[in-house]
Amino acid sequence: MIMIIANIIITNCNTVAKVHIITTNVITTVTTTTITNATNTSVIMVITAHPLPHLPPASQTRG
């Protein structure tokens, strides 16, 4: 399960917008990008996903 949380902060003429994108229920990474531009509104969204490592079962019986 992979969760992607992307924080988009747009600063333009004293306007701040935050967008949260949540895909699943496992928190793996948080990326925050802040843009400050007085003339044009720039948006940069960086999404990085790190899947959880595959864990072995609690008990394994062989043979």
N, C-alpha and C. Protein backbone atom coordinates (compact mmCIF):
# COMPACT_ATOMS: atom_id res chain seq x y z
N MET A 1 0.85 -1.18 0.00
CA MET A 1 0.00 0.00 0.00
C MET A 1 0.89 1.24 0.00
N ILE A 2 0.51 2.19 -0.79
CA ILE A 2 1.32 3.40 -0.95
C ILE A 2 0.44 4.61 -0.69
N MET A 3 0.93 5.51 0.16
CA MET A 3 0.22 6.76 0.37
C MET A 3 1.08 7.90 -0.13
N ILE A 4 0.47 8.80 -0.85
CA ILE A 4 1.20 9.95 -1.38
C ILE A 4 0.53 11.20 -0.81
N ILE A 5 1.30 11.98 -0.09
CA ILE A 5 0.80 13.25 0.43
C ILE A 5 1.60 14.36 -0.21
N ALA A 6 0.93 15.18 -0.98
CA ALA A 6 1.61 16.29 -1.65
C ALA A 6 1.04 17.59 -1.14
N ASN A 7 1.89 18.42 -0.59
CA ASN A 7 1.47 19.72 -0.12
C ASN A 7 1.89 20.77 -1.14
N ILE A 8 0.89 21.43 -1.74
CA ILE A 8 1.18 22.46 -2.72
C ILE A 8 0.86 23.80 -2.07
N ILE A 9 1.89 24.59 -1.88
CA ILE A 9 1.70 25.91 -1.27
C ILE A 9 2.01 26.96 -2.33
N ILE A 10 1.00 27.74 -2.68
CA ILE A 10 1.15 28.78 -3.69
C ILE A 10 1.06 30.13 -2.99
N THR A 11 2.12 30.90 -3.13
CA THR A 11 2.13 32.23 -2.52
C THR A 11 2.16 33.26 -3.63
N ASN A 12 1.08 33.97 -3.79
CA ASN A 12 0.98 34.99 -4.84
C ASN A 12 0.01 36.05 -4.35
N CYS A 13 0.51 37.28 -4.19
CA CYS A 13 -0.32 38.41 -3.74
C CYS A 13 -1.01 38.04 -2.42
N ASN A 14 -0.24 37.51 -1.50
CA ASN A 14 -0.74 37.14 -0.17
C ASN A 14 -1.84 36.10 -0.25
N THR A 15 -1.71 35.18 -1.18
CA THR A 15 -2.69 34.10 -1.29
C THR A 15 -1.94 32.77 -1.10
N VAL A 16 -2.42 31.99 -0.15
CA VAL A 16 -1.78 30.70 0.12
C VAL A 16 -2.82 29.61 -0.07
N ALA A 17 -2.50 28.66 -0.93
CA ALA A 17 -3.41 27.54 -1.19
C ALA A 17 -2.69 26.25 -0.84
N LYS A 18 -3.38 25.39 -0.15
CA LYS A 18 -2.81 24.11 0.22
C LYS A 18 -3.69 23.01 -0.35
N VAL A 19 -3.06 22.07 -1.02
CA VAL A 19 -3.78 20.95 -1.60
C VAL A 19 -3.18 19.67 -1.04
N HIS A 20 -4.03 18.82 -0.53
CA HIS A 20 -3.57 17.55 0.02
C HIS A 20 -4.13 16.43 -0.84
N ILE A 21 -3.25 15.56 -1.29
CA ILE A 21 -3.67 14.42 -2.10
C ILE A 21 -3.36 13.15 -1.30
N ILE A 22 -4.40 12.39 -1.00
CA ILE A 22 -4.22 11.16 -0.23
C ILE A 22 -4.76 10.01 -1.07
N THR A 23 -3.95 9.00 -1.27
CA THR A 23 -4.34 7.89 -2.13
C THR A 23 -4.71 6.66 -1.32
N THR A 24 -3.88 6.29 -0.34
CA THR A 24 -4.19 5.10 0.46
C THR A 24 -4.03 5.45 1.92
N ASN A 25 -4.05 4.43 2.77
CA ASN A 25 -4.04 4.69 4.20
C ASN A 25 -2.71 4.34 4.86
N VAL A 26 -1.63 4.36 4.09
CA VAL A 26 -0.30 4.12 4.65
C VAL A 26 0.57 5.32 4.33
N ILE A 27 1.09 5.92 5.38
CA ILE A 27 1.91 7.11 5.18
C ILE A 27 3.34 6.67 4.92
N THR A 28 3.86 7.02 3.75
CA THR A 28 5.23 6.62 3.42
C THR A 28 6.12 7.83 3.21
N THR A 29 5.61 8.88 2.63
CA THR A 29 6.45 10.03 2.36
C THR A 29 5.61 11.29 2.34
N VAL A 30 6.22 12.37 2.70
CA VAL A 30 5.56 13.68 2.69
C VAL A 30 6.46 14.65 1.94
N THR A 31 5.90 15.29 0.94
CA THR A 31 6.67 16.24 0.15
C THR A 31 5.99 17.60 0.23
N THR A 32 6.75 18.61 0.53
CA THR A 32 6.21 19.96 0.63
C THR A 32 6.99 20.87 -0.32
N THR A 33 6.26 21.58 -1.14
CA THR A 33 6.88 22.51 -2.08
C THR A 33 6.30 23.90 -1.86
N THR A 34 7.15 24.88 -1.70
CA THR A 34 6.70 26.24 -1.48
C THR A 34 7.20 27.13 -2.61
N ILE A 35 6.29 27.85 -3.22
CA ILE A 35 6.63 28.73 -4.33
C ILE A 35 6.22 30.16 -3.96
N THR A 36 7.13 31.08 -4.16
CA THR A 36 6.83 32.49 -3.91
C THR A 36 7.11 33.25 -5.19
N ASN A 37 6.07 33.88 -5.73
CA ASN A 37 6.23 34.63 -6.98
C ASN A 37 5.27 35.79 -6.92
N ALA A 38 5.77 36.99 -7.11
CA ALA A 38 4.96 38.18 -6.95
C ALA A 38 4.20 38.54 -8.22
N THR A 39 4.63 38.02 -9.36
CA THR A 39 4.01 38.45 -10.61
C THR A 39 3.14 37.35 -11.19
N ASN A 40 3.68 36.13 -11.29
CA ASN A 40 2.94 35.03 -11.87
C ASN A 40 2.79 33.91 -10.84
N THR A 41 1.69 33.21 -10.95
CA THR A 41 1.46 32.10 -10.02
C THR A 41 2.14 30.86 -10.57
N SER A 42 3.08 30.35 -9.80
CA SER A 42 3.80 29.15 -10.20
C SER A 42 3.39 28.00 -9.31
N VAL A 43 3.16 26.87 -9.92
CA VAL A 43 2.76 25.68 -9.17
C VAL A 43 3.75 24.57 -9.47
N ILE A 44 4.33 24.03 -8.43
CA ILE A 44 5.21 22.87 -8.58
C ILE A 44 4.71 21.80 -7.62
N MET A 45 4.32 20.66 -8.18
CA MET A 45 3.84 19.57 -7.36
C MET A 45 4.82 18.41 -7.48
N VAL A 46 5.41 18.06 -6.36
CA VAL A 46 6.37 16.97 -6.33
C VAL A 46 5.75 15.81 -5.56
N ILE A 47 5.62 14.68 -6.22
CA ILE A 47 5.03 13.50 -5.59
C ILE A 47 6.06 12.38 -5.63
N THR A 48 6.41 11.91 -4.44
CA THR A 48 7.33 10.78 -4.36
C THR A 48 6.65 9.68 -3.57
N ALA A 49 6.73 8.47 -4.05
CA ALA A 49 6.09 7.33 -3.39
C ALA A 49 7.15 6.30 -3.05
N HIS A 50 7.15 5.87 -1.79
CA HIS A 50 8.07 4.83 -1.35
C HIS A 50 7.22 3.69 -0.79
N PRO A 51 7.11 2.59 -1.52
CA PRO A 51 6.31 1.47 -1.02
C PRO A 51 6.94 0.86 0.23
N LEU A 52 6.09 0.32 1.08
CA LEU A 52 6.58 -0.32 2.29
C LEU A 52 7.32 -1.61 1.93
N PRO A 53 8.36 -1.94 2.68
CA PRO A 53 9.09 -3.18 2.41
C PRO A 53 8.18 -4.38 2.66
N HIS A 54 8.41 -5.43 1.90
CA HIS A 54 7.60 -6.63 2.05
C HIS A 54 8.07 -7.39 3.30
N LEU A 55 7.17 -7.49 4.25
CA LEU A 55 7.52 -8.17 5.49
C LEU A 55 7.15 -9.64 5.38
N PRO A 56 8.00 -10.51 5.93
CA PRO A 56 7.68 -11.95 5.91
C PRO A 56 6.51 -12.23 6.85
N PRO A 57 5.81 -13.33 6.65
CA PRO A 57 4.71 -13.69 7.56
C PRO A 57 5.21 -13.86 8.98
N ALA A 58 4.29 -13.77 9.93
CA ALA A 58 4.69 -13.88 11.33
C ALA A 58 5.25 -15.26 11.64
N SER A 59 4.69 -16.27 11.03
CA SER A 59 5.19 -17.63 11.28
C SER A 59 5.22 -18.39 9.97
N GLN A 60 6.29 -19.09 9.76
CA GLN A 60 6.43 -19.90 8.56
C GLN A 60 6.77 -21.33 8.96
N THR A 61 6.03 -22.27 8.40
CA THR A 61 6.32 -23.69 8.66
C THR A 61 6.64 -24.36 7.34
N ARG A 62 7.76 -25.06 7.30
CA ARG A 62 8.17 -25.75 6.09
C ARG A 62 8.45 -27.21 6.40
N GLY A 63 8.23 -28.06 5.40
CA GLY A 63 8.53 -29.46 5.56
C GLY A 63 7.37 -30.18 6.21
